[in-house]
Protein backbone atom coordinates (compact mmCIF):
# COMPACT_ATOMS: atom_id res chain seq x y z
CA MET A 1 105.41 222.94 167.56
CA SER A 2 101.94 221.49 168.05
CA ILE A 3 100.27 218.80 165.98
CA ALA A 4 97.62 221.29 164.80
CA GLY A 5 100.36 223.62 163.58
CA ILE A 6 102.06 220.84 161.65
CA VAL A 7 98.81 219.65 160.11
CA SER A 8 97.78 223.17 159.08
CA GLY A 9 101.26 223.75 157.60
CA VAL A 10 101.03 220.57 155.55
CA VAL A 11 97.53 221.49 154.35
CA MET A 12 98.71 224.96 153.34
CA LEU A 13 101.68 223.44 151.52
CA LEU A 14 99.42 221.07 149.59
CA VAL A 15 97.06 223.90 148.64
CA CYS A 16 99.97 226.02 147.40
CA VAL A 17 101.42 223.16 145.37
CA GLY A 18 97.98 222.50 143.88
CA MET A 19 97.54 226.14 142.94
CA LEU A 20 100.94 226.17 141.29
CA ALA A 21 100.29 222.94 139.38
CA LEU A 22 96.80 223.89 138.14
CA PRO A 23 97.90 226.13 135.23
CA PHE A 24 100.32 223.45 134.01
CA MET A 25 97.65 220.77 134.19
CA ARG A 26 95.18 222.96 132.32
CA HIS A 27 97.77 223.70 129.65
CA ARG A 28 98.45 219.98 129.28
CA ARG A 29 94.73 219.30 128.92
CA MET A 30 94.44 221.93 126.21
CA THR A 31 97.41 220.54 124.28
CA GLU A 32 96.03 217.00 124.49
CA ASN A 33 92.97 218.04 122.50
CA PRO A 34 94.01 220.87 120.17
CA THR A 35 90.52 221.29 118.72
CA HIS A 36 89.33 222.52 122.12
CA SER A 37 92.10 225.09 122.56
CA PRO A 38 90.82 227.87 120.24
CA LEU A 39 87.30 227.45 121.57
CA ILE A 40 88.50 227.61 125.17
CA GLN A 41 90.50 230.74 124.37
CA GLN A 42 87.42 232.32 122.76
CA TYR A 43 85.32 231.39 125.78
CA ASP A 44 87.89 232.85 128.19
CA SER A 45 87.99 236.02 126.09
CA LEU A 46 84.19 236.28 126.21
CA LEU A 47 84.21 235.90 130.00
CA LEU A 48 86.76 238.70 130.22
CA ASP A 49 84.63 240.85 127.92
CA LEU A 50 81.59 240.20 130.12
CA ALA A 51 83.50 241.20 133.24
CA THR A 52 84.78 244.36 131.56
CA LEU A 53 81.29 245.23 130.35
CA GLU A 54 79.92 244.77 133.86
CA ASP A 55 82.62 247.04 135.31
CA ASP A 56 81.99 249.68 132.64
CA TYR A 57 78.25 249.58 133.29
CA ARG A 58 78.77 249.99 137.03
CA GLN A 59 80.92 253.03 136.31
CA GLY A 60 78.09 254.52 134.25
CA LEU A 61 79.78 254.21 130.85
CA TYR A 62 76.80 252.45 129.27
CA PRO A 63 73.09 253.13 129.47
CA GLU A 64 71.06 250.15 130.65
CA ALA A 65 69.66 249.33 127.20
CA ASP A 66 73.13 249.17 125.61
CA TYR A 67 74.49 247.17 128.53
CA THR A 68 71.64 244.66 128.37
CA SER A 69 71.98 244.24 124.62
CA ARG A 70 75.76 243.75 124.72
CA ARG A 71 75.55 241.43 127.74
CA ASP A 72 72.92 239.24 126.08
CA ASN A 73 74.99 239.10 122.89
CA LEU A 74 78.13 238.04 124.76
CA ARG A 75 76.19 235.45 126.77
CA GLN A 76 74.72 233.97 123.59
CA GLN A 77 78.20 233.71 122.06
CA ALA A 78 79.45 231.98 125.21
CA ILE A 79 76.54 229.52 125.11
CA THR A 80 77.32 228.73 121.47
CA ILE A 81 80.96 228.03 122.28
CA LEU A 82 80.01 225.78 125.21
CA GLN A 83 77.68 223.85 122.92
CA GLN A 84 80.50 223.43 120.38
CA LEU A 85 82.81 222.18 123.14
CA ASP A 86 80.13 219.72 124.24
CA ALA A 87 79.81 218.45 120.69
CA LEU A 88 83.59 217.91 120.48
CA THR A 89 83.74 215.99 123.77
CA PRO A 90 83.54 212.30 123.00
CA ALA A 91 80.54 210.64 124.57
CA THR A 92 82.77 207.84 125.80
CA GLU A 93 84.60 210.26 128.11
CA GLU A 94 81.31 211.42 129.59
CA HIS A 95 80.04 207.87 130.05
CA HIS A 96 83.34 206.78 131.56
CA ALA A 97 83.20 209.61 134.09
CA THR A 98 79.58 208.79 134.92
CA ASP A 99 80.38 205.10 135.28
CA THR A 100 83.29 205.89 137.58
CA VAL A 101 81.11 208.09 139.79
CA GLU A 102 78.39 205.45 139.91
CA LYS A 103 80.92 202.77 140.91
CA LEU A 104 82.28 205.00 143.67
CA ILE A 105 78.79 205.64 144.99
CA ALA A 106 77.97 201.93 144.94
CA SER A 107 81.22 201.13 146.73
CA TYR A 108 80.50 203.77 149.37
CA ARG A 109 77.02 202.39 149.95
CA GLN A 110 78.36 198.85 150.33
CA GLN A 111 80.91 200.01 152.89
CA GLU A 112 78.24 201.97 154.71
CA HIS A 113 76.06 198.85 155.14
CA LYS A 114 78.90 196.61 156.39
């Protein structure tokens, strides 16, 4: 077996493990902050409704005016939920993430100049 085959096999294995672990990690995140969970479920439901509406419109089940009105309504609801989620996210988490990214960028720049 070649080195390229081994490397590609390992990469594929890591991708598969990541894809399997993602739902569990998301569930853990949602249980860590229970106030987010109902809002996230509502948002996911709205995204599904938008996708269904789009499919129905493409199949000719809605005239353009009805489709546009319903789509805009669903989008506005989704925006409202995202704003509520933003309001529930502590500012310290956002600043911490920003600080971490800034430190990584600064570290990268220092290594680049050495």
